[in-house]
Each structure stands twice: as structure tokens, then as C-alpha cells.
């Protein structure tokens, strides 16, 4: 399958955030993690990575991440 090229412009932090949930990893981490949750800010290219034990932890990790970046940037996100 071919994807069309996406065109978007970001002018500030949190205008556009990429996220991905990867796993089930073939090897479990020392702490029992099998999934990687990533957030990438398109403007700053800052990356946050969280190791999860199960997929159902995703929203529980998203909520504090969102609050943290909004506090740090003093900007409300659209997500």
C-alpha cells in the first residue's frame, strides 16, 4: 500500500504531535515492559518514550504526559 505525502506546517510547540504504540516486544524489559509509547512534537522534535507492561496502560500514561507538556509550555494542546 502506498501512502500519499502529507503536508502540514507547524509554527509552535504542540501544534502537531505524533504518537505511536509499539509492541508486543519479543523480549520483556527488566521491569516487565513489552510496549513502547512515544510522543514526538513536530515543531521542536522533542521525544518522550514510555515503557508499558500492557497496551491498556496507554491512556493512563497519556493524561499525565499531556498535563506535563501543557504546564511546561504554558500552552493548551488540541489533543
PDB file of N, CA and C in Angstrom:
ATOM      1  N   UNK A   1       0.838  -1.164   0.000  1.00  0.00           N
ATOM      2  CA  UNK A   1       0.000   0.000   0.000  1.00  0.00           C
ATOM      3  C   UNK A   1       0.890   1.236   0.000  1.00  0.00           C
ATOM      4  N   UNK A   2       0.554   2.193  -0.800  1.00  0.00           N
ATOM      5  CA  UNK A   2       1.292   3.453  -0.883  1.00  0.00           C
ATOM      6  C   UNK A   2       0.545   4.551  -0.158  1.00  0.00           C
ATOM      7  N   UNK A   3       1.267   5.335   0.587  1.00  0.00           N
ATOM      8  CA  UNK A   3       0.664   6.450   1.304  1.00  0.00           C
ATOM      9  C   UNK A   3       0.937   7.743   0.551  1.00  0.00           C
ATOM     10  N   UNK A   4      -0.062   8.595   0.516  1.00  0.00           N
ATOM     11  CA  UNK A   4       0.137   9.913  -0.087  1.00  0.00           C
ATOM     12  C   UNK A   4       0.951  10.781   0.850  1.00  0.00           C
ATOM     13  N   UNK A   5       1.705  11.676   0.276  1.00  0.00           N
ATOM     14  CA  UNK A   5       2.524  12.589   1.065  1.00  0.00           C
ATOM     15  C   UNK A   5       1.624  13.571   1.821  1.00  0.00           C
ATOM     16  N   UNK A   6       1.878  13.700   3.099  1.00  0.00           N
ATOM     17  CA  UNK A   6       1.097  14.598   3.932  1.00  0.00           C
ATOM     18  C   UNK A   6       1.811  15.939   4.038  1.00  0.00           C
ATOM     19  N   UNK A   7       1.054  16.987   3.915  1.00  0.00           N
ATOM     20  CA  UNK A   7       1.631  18.325   4.033  1.00  0.00           C
ATOM     21  C   UNK A   7       0.974  19.020   5.223  1.00  0.00           C
ATOM     22  N   UNK A   8       1.782  19.378   6.178  1.00  0.00           N
ATOM     23  CA  UNK A   8       1.296  20.143   7.312  1.00  0.00           C
ATOM     24  C   UNK A   8       2.418  21.075   7.769  1.00  0.00           C
ATOM     25  N   UNK A   9       2.043  22.185   8.311  1.00  0.00           N
ATOM     26  CA  UNK A   9       3.039  23.121   8.824  1.00  0.00           C
ATOM     27  C   UNK A   9       2.768  23.360  10.294  1.00  0.00           C
ATOM     28  N   UNK A  10       3.831  23.384  11.048  1.00  0.00           N
ATOM     29  CA  UNK A  10       3.706  23.675  12.475  1.00  0.00           C
ATOM     30  C   UNK A  10       4.481  24.945  12.765  1.00  0.00           C
ATOM     31  N   UNK A  11       3.880  25.794  13.552  1.00  0.00           N
ATOM     32  CA  UNK A  11       4.502  27.076  13.864  1.00  0.00           C
ATOM     33  C   UNK A  11       4.879  27.203  15.339  1.00  0.00           C
ATOM     34  N   UNK A  12       4.447  26.225  16.137  1.00  0.00           N
ATOM     35  CA  UNK A  12       4.731  26.301  17.573  1.00  0.00           C
ATOM     36  C   UNK A  12       4.677  24.904  18.188  1.00  0.00           C
ATOM     37  N   UNK A  13       5.213  24.817  19.382  1.00  0.00           N
ATOM     38  CA  UNK A  13       5.192  23.564  20.133  1.00  0.00           C
ATOM     39  C   UNK A  13       3.748  23.131  20.349  1.00  0.00           C
ATOM     40  N   UNK A  14       3.505  21.849  20.235  1.00  0.00           N
ATOM     41  CA  UNK A  14       2.219  21.181  20.424  1.00  0.00           C
ATOM     42  C   UNK A  14       1.200  21.447  19.317  1.00  0.00           C
ATOM     43  N   UNK A  15       1.614  22.088  18.226  1.00  0.00           N
ATOM     44  CA  UNK A  15       0.694  22.240  17.092  1.00  0.00           C
ATOM     45  C   UNK A  15       0.365  20.889  16.483  1.00  0.00           C
ATOM     46  N   UNK A  16       1.354  20.007  16.465  1.00  0.00           N
ATOM     47  CA  UNK A  16       1.175  18.698  15.835  1.00  0.00           C
ATOM     48  C   UNK A  16       2.046  17.699  16.586  1.00  0.00           C
ATOM     49  N   UNK A  17       1.441  16.667  17.147  1.00  0.00           N
ATOM     50  CA  UNK A  17       2.167  15.664  17.925  1.00  0.00           C
ATOM     51  C   UNK A  17       1.948  14.299  17.300  1.00  0.00           C
ATOM     52  N   UNK A  18       3.042  13.610  17.025  1.00  0.00           N
ATOM     53  CA  UNK A  18       2.987  12.246  16.502  1.00  0.00           C
ATOM     54  C   UNK A  18       3.045  11.293  17.692  1.00  0.00           C
ATOM     55  N   UNK A  19       2.288  10.223  17.622  1.00  0.00           N
ATOM     56  CA  UNK A  19       2.345   9.224  18.691  1.00  0.00           C
ATOM     57  C   UNK A  19       2.308   7.836  18.079  1.00  0.00           C
ATOM     58  N   UNK A  20       2.937   6.904  18.793  1.00  0.00           N
ATOM     59  CA  UNK A  20       2.970   5.529  18.316  1.00  0.00           C
ATOM     60  C   UNK A  20       3.026   4.598  19.518  1.00  0.00           C
ATOM     61  N   UNK A  21       2.375   3.471  19.389  1.00  0.00           N
ATOM     62  CA  UNK A  21       2.436   2.420  20.395  1.00  0.00           C
ATOM     63  C   UNK A  21       3.004   1.193  19.709  1.00  0.00           C
ATOM     64  N   UNK A  22       4.191   0.774  20.141  1.00  0.00           N
ATOM     65  CA  UNK A  22       4.874  -0.353  19.509  1.00  0.00           C
ATOM     66  C   UNK A  22       4.934  -1.529  20.467  1.00  0.00           C
ATOM     67  N   UNK A  23       4.730  -2.708  19.967  1.00  0.00           N
ATOM     68  CA  UNK A  23       4.842  -3.927  20.780  1.00  0.00           C
ATOM     69  C   UNK A  23       3.954  -4.986  20.194  1.00  0.00           C
ATOM     70  N   UNK A  24       3.977  -5.926  20.719  1.00  0.00           N
ATOM     71  CA  UNK A  24       4.460  -6.756  21.777  1.00  0.00           C
ATOM     72  C   UNK A  24       5.918  -7.128  21.457  1.00  0.00           C
ATOM     73  N   UNK A  25       6.836  -6.596  22.258  1.00  0.00           N
ATOM     74  CA  UNK A  25       8.260  -6.833  22.050  1.00  0.00           C
ATOM     75  C   UNK A  25       8.586  -8.311  22.255  1.00  0.00           C
ATOM     76  N   UNK A  26       9.515  -8.841  21.468  1.00  0.00           N
ATOM     77  CA  UNK A  26       9.884 -10.250  21.620  1.00  0.00           C
ATOM     78  C   UNK A  26      10.611 -10.537  22.929  1.00  0.00           C
ATOM     79  N   UNK A  27      11.195  -9.502  23.539  1.00  0.00           N
ATOM     80  CA  UNK A  27      11.913  -9.667  24.809  1.00  0.00           C
ATOM     81  C   UNK A  27      11.338  -8.663  25.803  1.00  0.00           C
ATOM     82  N   UNK A  28      11.025  -9.128  26.984  1.00  0.00           N
ATOM     83  CA  UNK A  28      10.480  -8.270  28.036  1.00  0.00           C
ATOM     84  C   UNK A  28      11.611  -7.514  28.722  1.00  0.00           C
ATOM     85  N   UNK A  29      11.387  -6.232  29.041  1.00  0.00           N
ATOM     86  CA  UNK A  29      12.413  -5.440  29.734  1.00  0.00           C
ATOM     87  C   UNK A  29      12.586  -5.951  31.161  1.00  0.00           C
ATOM     88  N   UNK A  30      13.614  -5.472  31.828  1.00  0.00           N
ATOM     89  CA  UNK A  30      13.872  -5.887  33.209  1.00  0.00           C
ATOM     90  C   UNK A  30      12.677  -5.576  34.106  1.00  0.00           C
ATOM     91  N   UNK A  31      12.005  -4.461  33.845  1.00  0.00           N
ATOM     92  CA  UNK A  31      10.842  -4.081  34.651  1.00  0.00           C
ATOM     93  C   UNK A  31       9.543  -4.725  34.196  1.00  0.00           C
ATOM     94  N   UNK A  32       9.596  -5.567  33.157  1.00  0.00           N
ATOM     95  CA  UNK A  32       8.401  -6.255  32.689  1.00  0.00           C
ATOM     96  C   UNK A  32       7.704  -5.591  31.513  1.00  0.00           C
ATOM     97  N   UNK A  33       8.329  -4.559  30.929  1.00  0.00           N
ATOM     98  CA  UNK A  33       7.722  -3.850  29.809  1.00  0.00           C
ATOM     99  C   UNK A  33       7.777  -4.616  28.503  1.00  0.00           C
ATOM    100  N   UNK A  34       6.690  -4.524  27.737  1.00  0.00           N
ATOM    101  CA  UNK A  34       6.621  -5.186  26.437  1.00  0.00           C
ATOM    102  C   UNK A  34       6.208  -4.226  25.320  1.00  0.00           C
ATOM    103  N   UNK A  35       5.878  -2.975  25.677  1.00  0.00           N
ATOM    104  CA  UNK A  35       5.391  -1.998  24.694  1.00  0.00           C
ATOM    105  C   UNK A  35       6.129  -0.676  24.866  1.00  0.00           C
ATOM    106  N   UNK A  36       6.275   0.064  23.774  1.00  0.00           N
ATOM    107  CA  UNK A  36       6.855   1.401  23.808  1.00  0.00           C
ATOM    108  C   UNK A  36       5.814   2.397  23.317  1.00  0.00           C
ATOM    109  N   UNK A  37       5.581   3.427  24.097  1.00  0.00           N
ATOM    110  CA  UNK A  37       4.674   4.505  23.730  1.00  0.00           C
ATOM    111  C   UNK A  37       5.523   5.743  23.501  1.00  0.00           C
ATOM    112  N   UNK A  38       5.407   6.351  22.314  1.00  0.00           N
ATOM    113  CA  UNK A  38       6.203   7.534  22.008  1.00  0.00           C
ATOM    114  C   UNK A  38       5.314   8.710  21.636  1.00  0.00           C
ATOM    115  N   UNK A  39       5.769   9.891  22.024  1.00  0.00           N
ATOM    116  CA  UNK A  39       5.166  11.154  21.625  1.00  0.00           C
ATOM    117  C   UNK A  39       6.287  11.995  21.029  1.00  0.00           C
ATOM    118  N   UNK A  40       6.067  12.564  19.852  1.00  0.00           N
ATOM    119  CA  UNK A  40       7.069  13.413  19.207  1.00  0.00           C
ATOM    120  C   UNK A  40       6.403  14.723  18.802  1.00  0.00           C
ATOM    121  N   UNK A  41       6.931  15.825  19.338  1.00  0.00           N
ATOM    122  CA  UNK A  41       6.425  17.139  18.958  1.00  0.00           C
ATOM    123  C   UNK A  41       7.029  17.507  17.608  1.00  0.00           C
ATOM    124  N   UNK A  42       6.174  17.789  16.630  1.00  0.00           N
ATOM    125  CA  UNK A  42       6.623  18.048  15.266  1.00  0.00           C
ATOM    126  C   UNK A  42       7.478  19.305  15.168  1.00  0.00           C
ATOM    127  N   UNK A  43       7.160  20.331  15.934  1.00  0.00           N
ATOM    128  CA  UNK A  43       7.879  21.599  15.843  1.00  0.00           C
ATOM    129  C   UNK A  43       9.269  21.519  16.485  1.00  0.00           C
ATOM    130  N   UNK A  44       9.325  21.048  17.728  1.00  0.00           N
ATOM    131  CA  UNK A  44      10.595  21.010  18.464  1.00  0.00           C
ATOM    132  C   UNK A  44      11.368  19.716  18.248  1.00  0.00           C
ATOM    133  N   UNK A  45      10.673  18.686  17.769  1.00  0.00           N
ATOM    134  CA  UNK A  45      11.246  17.338  17.599  1.00  0.00           C
ATOM    135  C   UNK A  45      11.596  16.685  18.939  1.00  0.00           C
ATOM    136  N   UNK A  46      11.061  17.217  20.010  1.00  0.00           N
ATOM    137  CA  UNK A  46      11.274  16.603  21.320  1.00  0.00           C
ATOM    138  C   UNK A  46      10.529  15.278  21.367  1.00  0.00           C
ATOM    139  N   UNK A  47      11.160  14.286  21.990  1.00  0.00           N
ATOM    140  CA  UNK A  47      10.611  12.932  22.036  1.00  0.00           C
ATOM    141  C   UNK A  47      10.443  12.496  23.490  1.00  0.00           C
ATOM    142  N   UNK A  48       9.306  11.887  23.776  1.00  0.00           N
ATOM    143  CA  UNK A  48       9.052  11.274  25.077  1.00  0.00           C
ATOM    144  C   UNK A  48       8.772   9.803  24.825  1.00  0.00           C
ATOM    145  N   UNK A  49       9.399   8.926  25.602  1.00  0.00           N
ATOM    146  CA  UNK A  49       9.220   7.482  25.434  1.00  0.00           C
ATOM    147  C   UNK A  49       8.820   6.882  26.773  1.00  0.00           C
ATOM    148  N   UNK A  50       7.790   6.056  26.744  1.00  0.00           N
ATOM    149  CA  UNK A  50       7.322   5.366  27.939  1.00  0.00           C
ATOM    150  C   UNK A  50       7.313   3.867  27.664  1.00  0.00           C
ATOM    151  N   UNK A  51       7.777   3.099  28.633  1.00  0.00           N
ATOM    152  CA  UNK A  51       7.755   1.637  28.524  1.00  0.00           C
ATOM    153  C   UNK A  51       6.540   1.144  29.301  1.00  0.00           C
ATOM    154  N   UNK A  52       5.710   0.365  28.620  1.00  0.00           N
ATOM    155  CA  UNK A  52       4.464  -0.131  29.219  1.00  0.00           C
ATOM    156  C   UNK A  52       4.485  -1.650  29.336  1.00  0.00           C
ATOM    157  N   UNK A  53       3.822  -2.150  30.351  1.00  0.00           N
ATOM    158  CA  UNK A  53       3.693  -3.596  30.504  1.00  0.00           C
ATOM    159  C   UNK A  53       2.556  -4.140  29.650  1.00  0.00           C
ATOM    160  N   UNK A  54       1.523  -3.317  29.409  1.00  0.00           N
ATOM    161  CA  UNK A  54       0.395  -3.747  28.585  1.00  0.00           C
ATOM    162  C   UNK A  54      -0.178  -2.557  27.835  1.00  0.00           C
ATOM    163  N   UNK A  55      -0.909  -2.832  26.759  1.00  0.00           N
ATOM    164  CA  UNK A  55      -1.490  -1.775  25.934  1.00  0.00           C
ATOM    165  C   UNK A  55      -2.497  -0.928  26.701  1.00  0.00           C
ATOM    166  N   UNK A  56      -3.183  -1.529  27.644  1.00  0.00           N
ATOM    167  CA  UNK A  56      -4.234  -0.792  28.343  1.00  0.00           C
ATOM    168  C   UNK A  56      -3.697   0.287  29.286  1.00  0.00           C
ATOM    169  N   UNK A  57      -2.377   0.417  29.410  1.00  0.00           N
ATOM    170  CA  UNK A  57      -1.769   1.490  30.188  1.00  0.00           C
ATOM    171  C   UNK A  57      -1.649   2.788  29.387  1.00  0.00           C
ATOM    172  N   UNK A  58      -1.936   2.731  28.088  1.00  0.00           N
ATOM    173  CA  UNK A  58      -1.691   3.861  27.187  1.00  0.00           C
ATOM    174  C   UNK A  58      -2.367   5.141  27.648  1.00  0.00           C
ATOM    175  N   UNK A  59      -3.661   5.122  27.881  1.00  0.00           N
ATOM    176  CA  UNK A  59      -4.368   6.343  28.262  1.00  0.00           C
ATOM    177  C   UNK A  59      -3.910   6.849  29.624  1.00  0.00           C
ATOM    178  N   UNK A  60      -3.583   5.933  30.523  1.00  0.00           N
ATOM    179  CA  UNK A  60      -3.100   6.318  31.852  1.00  0.00           C
ATOM    180  C   UNK A  60      -1.751   7.037  31.752  1.00  0.00           C
ATOM    181  N   UNK A  61      -0.958   6.751  30.744  1.00  0.00           N
ATOM    182  CA  UNK A  61       0.311   7.458  30.511  1.00  0.00           C
ATOM    183  C   UNK A  61       0.090   8.756  29.745  1.00  0.00           C
ATOM    184  N   UNK A  62      -0.908   8.769  28.848  1.00  0.00           N
ATOM    185  CA  UNK A  62      -1.178   9.955  28.046  1.00  0.00           C
ATOM    186  C   UNK A  62      -1.626  11.130  28.900  1.00  0.00           C
ATOM    187  N   UNK A  63      -2.539  10.905  29.815  1.00  0.00           N
ATOM    188  CA  UNK A  63      -3.109  12.004  30.603  1.00  0.00           C
ATOM    189  C   UNK A  63      -2.046  12.798  31.374  1.00  0.00           C
ATOM    190  N   UNK A  64      -1.141  12.149  32.138  1.00  0.00           N
ATOM    191  CA  UNK A  64      -0.111  12.943  32.839  1.00  0.00           C
ATOM    192  C   UNK A  64       0.904  13.571  31.869  1.00  0.00           C
ATOM    193  N   UNK A  65       1.174  12.913  30.746  1.00  0.00           N
ATOM    194  CA  UNK A  65       2.075  13.500  29.743  1.00  0.00           C
ATOM    195  C   UNK A  65       1.474  14.806  29.226  1.00  0.00           C
ATOM    196  N   UNK A  66       0.205  14.779  28.871  1.00  0.00           N
ATOM    197  CA  UNK A  66      -0.478  15.970  28.356  1.00  0.00           C
ATOM    198  C   UNK A  66      -0.438  17.096  29.381  1.00  0.00           C
ATOM    199  N   UNK A  67      -0.750  16.793  30.628  1.00  0.00           N
ATOM    200  CA  UNK A  67      -0.717  17.809  31.688  1.00  0.00           C
ATOM    201  C   UNK A  67       0.697  18.370  31.855  1.00  0.00           C
ATOM    202  N   UNK A  68       1.704  17.512  31.796  1.00  0.00           N
ATOM    203  CA  UNK A  68       3.088  17.941  31.957  1.00  0.00           C
ATOM    204  C   UNK A  68       3.512  18.900  30.846  1.00  0.00           C
ATOM    205  N   UNK A  69       3.255  18.544  29.583  1.00  0.00           N
ATOM    206  CA  UNK A  69       3.710  19.407  28.484  1.00  0.00           C
ATOM    207  C   UNK A  69       2.927  20.718  28.445  1.00  0.00           C
ATOM    208  N   UNK A  70       1.676  20.680  28.835  1.00  0.00           N
ATOM    209  CA  UNK A  70       0.904  21.925  28.881  1.00  0.00           C
ATOM    210  C   UNK A  70       1.426  22.842  29.986  1.00  0.00           C
ATOM    211  N   UNK A  71       1.828  22.274  31.116  1.00  0.00           N
ATOM    212  CA  UNK A  71       2.399  23.068  32.202  1.00  0.00           C
ATOM    213  C   UNK A  71       3.751  23.644  31.794  1.00  0.00           C
ATOM    214  N   UNK A  72       4.594  22.821  31.191  1.00  0.00           N
ATOM    215  CA  UNK A  72       5.934  23.267  30.800  1.00  0.00           C
ATOM    216  C   UNK A  72       5.898  24.333  29.712  1.00  0.00           C
ATOM    217  N   UNK A  73       4.974  24.210  28.772  1.00  0.00           N
ATOM    218  CA  UNK A  73       4.926  25.140  27.640  1.00  0.00           C
ATOM    219  C   UNK A  73       3.954  26.289  27.859  1.00  0.00           C
ATOM    220  N   UNK A  74       3.147  26.188  28.912  1.00  0.00           N
ATOM    221  CA  UNK A  74       2.089  27.160  29.191  1.00  0.00           C
ATOM    222  C   UNK A  74       1.148  27.314  28.000  1.00  0.00           C
ATOM    223  N   UNK A  75       0.899  26.212  27.335  1.00  0.00           N
ATOM    224  CA  UNK A  75       0.033  26.193  26.162  1.00  0.00           C
ATOM    225  C   UNK A  75      -0.922  25.012  26.257  1.00  0.00           C
ATOM    226  N   UNK A  76      -2.166  25.233  25.940  1.00  0.00           N
ATOM    227  CA  UNK A  76      -3.148  24.143  25.888  1.00  0.00           C
ATOM    228  C   UNK A  76      -3.034  23.491  24.518  1.00  0.00           C
ATOM    229  N   UNK A  77      -2.986  22.173  24.504  1.00  0.00           N
ATOM    230  CA  UNK A  77      -2.884  21.463  23.233  1.00  0.00           C
ATOM    231  C   UNK A  77      -4.269  21.174  22.669  1.00  0.00           C
ATOM    232  N   UNK A  78      -4.321  20.821  21.406  1.00  0.00           N
ATOM    233  CA  UNK A  78      -5.578  20.468  20.738  1.00  0.00           C
ATOM    234  C   UNK A  78      -5.890  18.985  20.880  1.00  0.00           C
ATOM    235  N   UNK A  79      -5.070  18.264  21.633  1.00  0.00           N
ATOM    236  CA  UNK A  79      -5.257  16.815  21.743  1.00  0.00           C
ATOM    237  C   UNK A  79      -5.941  16.450  23.033  1.00  0.00           C
TER     238      UNK A  79
END
